[in-house]
Every structure is written in C-alpha cells, then in structure tokens.
C-alpha cells in the first residue's frame, strides 16, 4: 500500500495523468491504475520503467515516511 500511495504522490507532484505516466513508462494504463490502487505489486523491471517515466530514481518510489502507531 505504501508504494501505491508514493507512486500516486510522485505522479501528482509531476502533474502527470496516469495515461501520461503509462506512455512515458512504456507500460499499460491499466498497470499504472492497478499499482496505484494496490491491486498488484509491480515487478522490479516495472519499477525501473515507472521511475524512468517519472524521471526519478527507483529508490524515490520507496522513499516514504513510516509513522509509528502507539497503542
């Protein structure tokens, strides 16, 4: 779920639609949508394609803040 949220966040920051990202990443629009909704987990090669489409390093897709929850 964190990757899905981070992908959507980065895409929004770049002001890109899912379709634009799919074109730049050379993957299908449905793949982008399913990754962003956490229906599927992308393969390593897909992560590299998405990173290239966003013009970020693959590491940035995993650069999310983990929040601690106290009980």
PDB file of N, CA and C in Angstrom:
ATOM      1  N   UNK A   1       0.812  -1.196   0.000  1.00  0.00           N
ATOM      2  CA  UNK A   1       0.000   0.000   0.000  1.00  0.00           C
ATOM      3  C   UNK A   1       0.861   1.267   0.000  1.00  0.00           C
ATOM      4  N   UNK A   2       2.005   1.223   0.668  1.00  0.00           N
ATOM      5  CA  UNK A   2       2.870   2.399   0.717  1.00  0.00           C
ATOM      6  C   UNK A   2       3.410   2.766  -0.656  1.00  0.00           C
ATOM      7  N   UNK A   3       3.795   1.760  -1.436  1.00  0.00           N
ATOM      8  CA  UNK A   3       4.292   2.024  -2.784  1.00  0.00           C
ATOM      9  C   UNK A   3       3.195   2.657  -3.633  1.00  0.00           C
ATOM     10  N   UNK A   4       1.990   2.147  -3.515  1.00  0.00           N
ATOM     11  CA  UNK A   4       0.865   2.691  -4.279  1.00  0.00           C
ATOM     12  C   UNK A   4       0.662   4.168  -3.960  1.00  0.00           C
ATOM     13  N   UNK A   5       0.691   4.496  -2.688  1.00  0.00           N
ATOM     14  CA  UNK A   5       0.499   5.880  -2.258  1.00  0.00           C
ATOM     15  C   UNK A   5       1.644   6.767  -2.744  1.00  0.00           C
ATOM     16  N   UNK A   6       2.857   6.263  -2.649  1.00  0.00           N
ATOM     17  CA  UNK A   6       4.034   7.039  -3.064  1.00  0.00           C
ATOM     18  C   UNK A   6       4.020   7.295  -4.571  1.00  0.00           C
ATOM     19  N   UNK A   7       3.636   6.285  -5.338  1.00  0.00           N
ATOM     20  CA  UNK A   7       3.561   6.443  -6.792  1.00  0.00           C
ATOM     21  C   UNK A   7       2.561   7.536  -7.157  1.00  0.00           C
ATOM     22  N   UNK A   8       1.402   7.479  -6.554  1.00  0.00           N
ATOM     23  CA  UNK A   8       0.380   8.489  -6.844  1.00  0.00           C
ATOM     24  C   UNK A   8       0.865   9.879  -6.431  1.00  0.00           C
ATOM     25  N   UNK A   9       1.543   9.958  -5.293  1.00  0.00           N
ATOM     26  CA  UNK A   9       2.078  11.227  -4.807  1.00  0.00           C
ATOM     27  C   UNK A   9       3.093  11.815  -5.787  1.00  0.00           C
ATOM     28  N   UNK A  10       4.038  10.989  -6.229  1.00  0.00           N
ATOM     29  CA  UNK A  10       5.054  11.460  -7.177  1.00  0.00           C
ATOM     30  C   UNK A  10       4.426  11.872  -8.504  1.00  0.00           C
ATOM     31  N   UNK A  11       3.473  11.085  -8.969  1.00  0.00           N
ATOM     32  CA  UNK A  11       2.810  11.396 -10.236  1.00  0.00           C
ATOM     33  C   UNK A  11       2.068  12.726 -10.126  1.00  0.00           C
ATOM     34  N   UNK A  12       1.410  12.948  -9.005  1.00  0.00           N
ATOM     35  CA  UNK A  12       0.683  14.209  -8.792  1.00  0.00           C
ATOM     36  C   UNK A  12       1.640  15.391  -8.714  1.00  0.00           C
ATOM     37  N   UNK A  13       2.771  15.202  -8.031  1.00  0.00           N
ATOM     38  CA  UNK A  13       3.773  16.269  -7.940  1.00  0.00           C
ATOM     39  C   UNK A  13       4.278  16.674  -9.319  1.00  0.00           C
ATOM     40  N   UNK A  14       4.383  15.699 -10.212  1.00  0.00           N
ATOM     41  CA  UNK A  14       4.859  15.965 -11.576  1.00  0.00           C
ATOM     42  C   UNK A  14       3.722  16.441 -12.481  1.00  0.00           C
ATOM     43  N   UNK A  15       2.510  16.519 -11.901  1.00  0.00           N
ATOM     44  CA  UNK A  15       1.313  16.941 -12.631  1.00  0.00           C
ATOM     45  C   UNK A  15       1.090  16.091 -13.880  1.00  0.00           C
ATOM     46  N   UNK A  16       1.196  14.779 -13.692  1.00  0.00           N
ATOM     47  CA  UNK A  16       1.010  13.835 -14.792  1.00  0.00           C
ATOM     48  C   UNK A  16      -0.262  13.027 -14.570  1.00  0.00           C
ATOM     49  N   UNK A  17      -0.942  12.724 -15.641  1.00  0.00           N
ATOM     50  CA  UNK A  17      -2.074  11.809 -15.559  1.00  0.00           C
ATOM     51  C   UNK A  17      -1.537  10.381 -15.564  1.00  0.00           C
ATOM     52  N   UNK A  18      -2.381   9.446 -15.211  1.00  0.00           N
ATOM     53  CA  UNK A  18      -1.981   8.039 -15.282  1.00  0.00           C
ATOM     54  C   UNK A  18      -1.618   7.671 -16.719  1.00  0.00           C
ATOM     55  N   UNK A  19      -2.368   8.200 -17.661  1.00  0.00           N
ATOM     56  CA  UNK A  19      -2.109   7.908 -19.073  1.00  0.00           C
ATOM     57  C   UNK A  19      -0.739   8.432 -19.513  1.00  0.00           C
ATOM     58  N   UNK A  20      -0.399   9.650 -19.094  1.00  0.00           N
ATOM     59  CA  UNK A  20       0.915  10.208 -19.434  1.00  0.00           C
ATOM     60  C   UNK A  20       2.039   9.364 -18.840  1.00  0.00           C
ATOM     61  N   UNK A  21       1.864   8.959 -17.587  1.00  0.00           N
ATOM     62  CA  UNK A  21       2.886   8.135 -16.950  1.00  0.00           C
ATOM     63  C   UNK A  21       3.011   6.790 -17.650  1.00  0.00           C
ATOM     64  N   UNK A  22       1.897   6.208 -18.019  1.00  0.00           N
ATOM     65  CA  UNK A  22       1.929   4.929 -18.730  1.00  0.00           C
ATOM     66  C   UNK A  22       2.702   5.069 -20.041  1.00  0.00           C
ATOM     67  N   UNK A  23       2.436   6.132 -20.783  1.00  0.00           N
ATOM     68  CA  UNK A  23       3.143   6.366 -22.045  1.00  0.00           C
ATOM     69  C   UNK A  23       4.641   6.539 -21.824  1.00  0.00           C
ATOM     70  N   UNK A  24       5.009   7.367 -20.858  1.00  0.00           N
ATOM     71  CA  UNK A  24       6.428   7.623 -20.603  1.00  0.00           C
ATOM     72  C   UNK A  24       7.142   6.404 -20.031  1.00  0.00           C
ATOM     73  N   UNK A  25       6.395   5.572 -19.309  1.00  0.00           N
ATOM     74  CA  UNK A  25       6.983   4.379 -18.689  1.00  0.00           C
ATOM     75  C   UNK A  25       6.968   3.170 -19.619  1.00  0.00           C
ATOM     76  N   UNK A  26       6.240   3.306 -20.710  1.00  0.00           N
ATOM     77  CA  UNK A  26       6.081   2.211 -21.671  1.00  0.00           C
ATOM     78  C   UNK A  26       5.465   0.973 -21.028  1.00  0.00           C
ATOM     79  N   UNK A  27       4.438   1.234 -20.198  1.00  0.00           N
ATOM     80  CA  UNK A  27       3.620   0.149 -19.650  1.00  0.00           C
ATOM     81  C   UNK A  27       2.162   0.551 -19.845  1.00  0.00           C
ATOM     82  N   UNK A  28       1.252  -0.355 -19.592  1.00  0.00           N
ATOM     83  CA  UNK A  28      -0.153  -0.064 -19.870  1.00  0.00           C
ATOM     84  C   UNK A  28      -0.774   0.828 -18.798  1.00  0.00           C
ATOM     85  N   UNK A  29      -1.781   1.554 -19.216  1.00  0.00           N
ATOM     86  CA  UNK A  29      -2.541   2.395 -18.306  1.00  0.00           C
ATOM     87  C   UNK A  29      -3.154   1.551 -17.194  1.00  0.00           C
ATOM     88  N   UNK A  30      -3.659   0.379 -17.551  1.00  0.00           N
ATOM     89  CA  UNK A  30      -4.284  -0.470 -16.530  1.00  0.00           C
ATOM     90  C   UNK A  30      -3.272  -0.921 -15.484  1.00  0.00           C
ATOM     91  N   UNK A  31      -2.021  -1.125 -15.891  1.00  0.00           N
ATOM     92  CA  UNK A  31      -0.991  -1.487 -14.910  1.00  0.00           C
ATOM     93  C   UNK A  31      -0.764  -0.355 -13.924  1.00  0.00           C
ATOM     94  N   UNK A  32      -0.665   0.862 -14.424  1.00  0.00           N
ATOM     95  CA  UNK A  32      -0.483   2.019 -13.546  1.00  0.00           C
ATOM     96  C   UNK A  32      -1.649   2.101 -12.559  1.00  0.00           C
ATOM     97  N   UNK A  33      -2.853   1.981 -13.062  1.00  0.00           N
ATOM     98  CA  UNK A  33      -4.040   2.072 -12.204  1.00  0.00           C
ATOM     99  C   UNK A  33      -4.049   0.969 -11.152  1.00  0.00           C
ATOM    100  N   UNK A  34      -3.707  -0.246 -11.544  1.00  0.00           N
ATOM    101  CA  UNK A  34      -3.715  -1.361 -10.590  1.00  0.00           C
ATOM    102  C   UNK A  34      -2.599  -1.239  -9.559  1.00  0.00           C
ATOM    103  N   UNK A  35      -1.477  -0.660  -9.938  1.00  0.00           N
ATOM    104  CA  UNK A  35      -0.390  -0.447  -8.973  1.00  0.00           C
ATOM    105  C   UNK A  35      -0.795   0.646  -7.989  1.00  0.00           C
ATOM    106  N   UNK A  36      -1.370   1.723  -8.487  1.00  0.00           N
ATOM    107  CA  UNK A  36      -1.773   2.838  -7.620  1.00  0.00           C
ATOM    108  C   UNK A  36      -2.896   2.461  -6.662  1.00  0.00           C
ATOM    109  N   UNK A  37      -3.678   1.477  -7.003  1.00  0.00           N
ATOM    110  CA  UNK A  37      -4.756   1.036  -6.110  1.00  0.00           C
ATOM    111  C   UNK A  37      -4.356  -0.207  -5.327  1.00  0.00           C
ATOM    112  N   UNK A  38      -3.091  -0.580  -5.434  1.00  0.00           N
ATOM    113  CA  UNK A  38      -2.521  -1.714  -4.685  1.00  0.00           C
ATOM    114  C   UNK A  38      -3.188  -3.049  -5.014  1.00  0.00           C
ATOM    115  N   UNK A  39      -3.708  -3.148  -6.222  1.00  0.00           N
ATOM    116  CA  UNK A  39      -4.278  -4.421  -6.661  1.00  0.00           C
ATOM    117  C   UNK A  39      -3.159  -5.377  -7.048  1.00  0.00           C
ATOM    118  N   UNK A  40      -2.100  -4.827  -7.642  1.00  0.00           N
ATOM    119  CA  UNK A  40      -0.941  -5.648  -7.999  1.00  0.00           C
ATOM    120  C   UNK A  40       0.326  -5.001  -7.464  1.00  0.00           C
ATOM    121  N   UNK A  41       1.337  -5.813  -7.288  1.00  0.00           N
ATOM    122  CA  UNK A  41       2.669  -5.322  -6.939  1.00  0.00           C
ATOM    123  C   UNK A  41       3.514  -5.364  -8.207  1.00  0.00           C
ATOM    124  N   UNK A  42       4.194  -4.277  -8.508  1.00  0.00           N
ATOM    125  CA  UNK A  42       4.992  -4.250  -9.734  1.00  0.00           C
ATOM    126  C   UNK A  42       6.253  -5.100  -9.624  1.00  0.00           C
ATOM    127  N   UNK A  43       6.700  -5.590 -10.756  1.00  0.00           N
ATOM    128  CA  UNK A  43       7.970  -6.310 -10.804  1.00  0.00           C
ATOM    129  C   UNK A  43       9.099  -5.288 -10.721  1.00  0.00           C
ATOM    130  N   UNK A  44      10.297  -5.768 -10.503  1.00  0.00           N
ATOM    131  CA  UNK A  44      11.455  -4.875 -10.441  1.00  0.00           C
ATOM    132  C   UNK A  44      11.611  -4.123 -11.759  1.00  0.00           C
ATOM    133  N   UNK A  45      11.442  -4.811 -12.869  1.00  0.00           N
ATOM    134  CA  UNK A  45      11.590  -4.133 -14.165  1.00  0.00           C
ATOM    135  C   UNK A  45      10.519  -3.059 -14.355  1.00  0.00           C
ATOM    136  N   UNK A  46       9.321  -3.298 -13.865  1.00  0.00           N
ATOM    137  CA  UNK A  46       8.261  -2.297 -13.959  1.00  0.00           C
ATOM    138  C   UNK A  46       8.576  -1.094 -13.082  1.00  0.00           C
ATOM    139  N   UNK A  47       9.142  -1.334 -11.914  1.00  0.00           N
ATOM    140  CA  UNK A  47       9.542  -0.232 -11.031  1.00  0.00           C
ATOM    141  C   UNK A  47      10.566   0.658 -11.731  1.00  0.00           C
ATOM    142  N   UNK A  48      11.524   0.039 -12.415  1.00  0.00           N
ATOM    143  CA  UNK A  48      12.527   0.823 -13.145  1.00  0.00           C
ATOM    144  C   UNK A  48      11.881   1.618 -14.277  1.00  0.00           C
ATOM    145  N   UNK A  49      10.919   1.033 -14.969  1.00  0.00           N
ATOM    146  CA  UNK A  49      10.230   1.742 -16.049  1.00  0.00           C
ATOM    147  C   UNK A  49       9.445   2.934 -15.514  1.00  0.00           C
ATOM    148  N   UNK A  50       8.751   2.721 -14.401  1.00  0.00           N
ATOM    149  CA  UNK A  50       7.969   3.805 -13.797  1.00  0.00           C
ATOM    150  C   UNK A  50       8.892   4.922 -13.325  1.00  0.00           C
ATOM    151  N   UNK A  51       9.985   4.555 -12.694  1.00  0.00           N
ATOM    152  CA  UNK A  51      10.949   5.559 -12.228  1.00  0.00           C
ATOM    153  C   UNK A  51      11.467   6.382 -13.400  1.00  0.00           C
ATOM    154  N   UNK A  52      11.780   5.711 -14.498  1.00  0.00           N
ATOM    155  CA  UNK A  52      12.248   6.419 -15.689  1.00  0.00           C
ATOM    156  C   UNK A  52      11.152   7.355 -16.214  1.00  0.00           C
ATOM    157  N   UNK A  53       9.911   6.877 -16.221  1.00  0.00           N
ATOM    158  CA  UNK A  53       8.798   7.709 -16.682  1.00  0.00           C
ATOM    159  C   UNK A  53       8.568   8.933 -15.815  1.00  0.00           C
ATOM    160  N   UNK A  54       8.839   8.797 -14.521  1.00  0.00           N
ATOM    161  CA  UNK A  54       8.690   9.915 -13.588  1.00  0.00           C
ATOM    162  C   UNK A  54       9.946  10.773 -13.499  1.00  0.00           C
ATOM    163  N   UNK A  55      11.021  10.309 -14.124  1.00  0.00           N
ATOM    164  CA  UNK A  55      12.319  10.979 -14.061  1.00  0.00           C
ATOM    165  C   UNK A  55      12.816  11.084 -12.616  1.00  0.00           C
ATOM    166  N   UNK A  56      12.717   9.943 -11.906  1.00  0.00           N
ATOM    167  CA  UNK A  56      13.225   9.834 -10.536  1.00  0.00           C
ATOM    168  C   UNK A  56      14.033   8.543 -10.439  1.00  0.00           C
ATOM    169  N   UNK A  57      14.758   8.398  -9.361  1.00  0.00           N
ATOM    170  CA  UNK A  57      15.468   7.135  -9.154  1.00  0.00           C
ATOM    171  C   UNK A  57      14.473   6.115  -8.603  1.00  0.00           C
ATOM    172  N   UNK A  58      14.688   4.839  -8.867  1.00  0.00           N
ATOM    173  CA  UNK A  58      13.791   3.821  -8.310  1.00  0.00           C
ATOM    174  C   UNK A  58      13.676   3.925  -6.791  1.00  0.00           C
ATOM    175  N   UNK A  59      14.758   4.336  -6.155  1.00  0.00           N
ATOM    176  CA  UNK A  59      14.750   4.483  -4.695  1.00  0.00           C
ATOM    177  C   UNK A  59      13.676   5.466  -4.230  1.00  0.00           C
ATOM    178  N   UNK A  60      13.449   6.503  -5.014  1.00  0.00           N
ATOM    179  CA  UNK A  60      12.458   7.511  -4.629  1.00  0.00           C
ATOM    180  C   UNK A  60      11.046   6.942  -4.554  1.00  0.00           C
ATOM    181  N   UNK A  61      10.788   5.875  -5.275  1.00  0.00           N
ATOM    182  CA  UNK A  61       9.471   5.241  -5.194  1.00  0.00           C
ATOM    183  C   UNK A  61       9.260   4.583  -3.835  1.00  0.00           C
ATOM    184  N   UNK A  62      10.354   4.320  -3.145  1.00  0.00           N
ATOM    185  CA  UNK A  62      10.273   3.674  -1.833  1.00  0.00           C
ATOM    186  C   UNK A  62      10.635   4.631  -0.710  1.00  0.00           C
ATOM    187  N   UNK A  63      10.745   5.901  -1.026  1.00  0.00           N
ATOM    188  CA  UNK A  63      11.127   6.908  -0.045  1.00  0.00           C
ATOM    189  C   UNK A  63       9.876   7.472   0.609  1.00  0.00           C
ATOM    190  N   UNK A  64       9.279   6.673   1.481  1.00  0.00           N
ATOM    191  CA  UNK A  64       8.087   7.129   2.177  1.00  0.00           C
ATOM    192  C   UNK A  64       8.337   7.096   3.675  1.00  0.00           C
ATOM    193  N   UNK A  65       7.612   7.937   4.369  1.00  0.00           N
ATOM    194  CA  UNK A  65       7.766   8.018   5.812  1.00  0.00           C
ATOM    195  C   UNK A  65       6.868   6.987   6.475  1.00  0.00           C
ATOM    196  N   UNK A  66       7.463   6.247   7.370  1.00  0.00           N
ATOM    197  CA  UNK A  66       6.681   5.298   8.151  1.00  0.00           C
ATOM    198  C   UNK A  66       6.291   5.980   9.454  1.00  0.00           C
ATOM    199  N   UNK A  67       5.029   5.919   9.772  1.00  0.00           N
ATOM    200  CA  UNK A  67       4.584   6.529  11.017  1.00  0.00           C
ATOM    201  C   UNK A  67       4.368   5.446  12.049  1.00  0.00           C
ATOM    202  N   UNK A  68       4.785   5.735  13.259  1.00  0.00           N
ATOM    203  CA  UNK A  68       4.607   4.777  14.345  1.00  0.00           C
ATOM    204  C   UNK A  68       3.232   4.992  14.955  1.00  0.00           C
ATOM    205  N   UNK A  69       2.586   3.903  15.235  1.00  0.00           N
ATOM    206  CA  UNK A  69       1.304   3.992  15.914  1.00  0.00           C
ATOM    207  C   UNK A  69       1.482   3.484  17.323  1.00  0.00           C
ATOM    208  N   UNK A  70       0.964   4.202  18.257  1.00  0.00           N
ATOM    209  CA  UNK A  70       1.068   3.760  19.648  1.00  0.00           C
ATOM    210  C   UNK A  70      -0.273   3.210  20.090  1.00  0.00           C
ATOM    211  N   UNK A  71      -0.180   2.198  20.889  1.00  0.00           N
ATOM    212  CA  UNK A  71      -1.418   1.552  21.352  1.00  0.00           C
ATOM    213  C   UNK A  71      -1.649   1.818  22.812  1.00  0.00           C
TER     214      UNK A  71
END
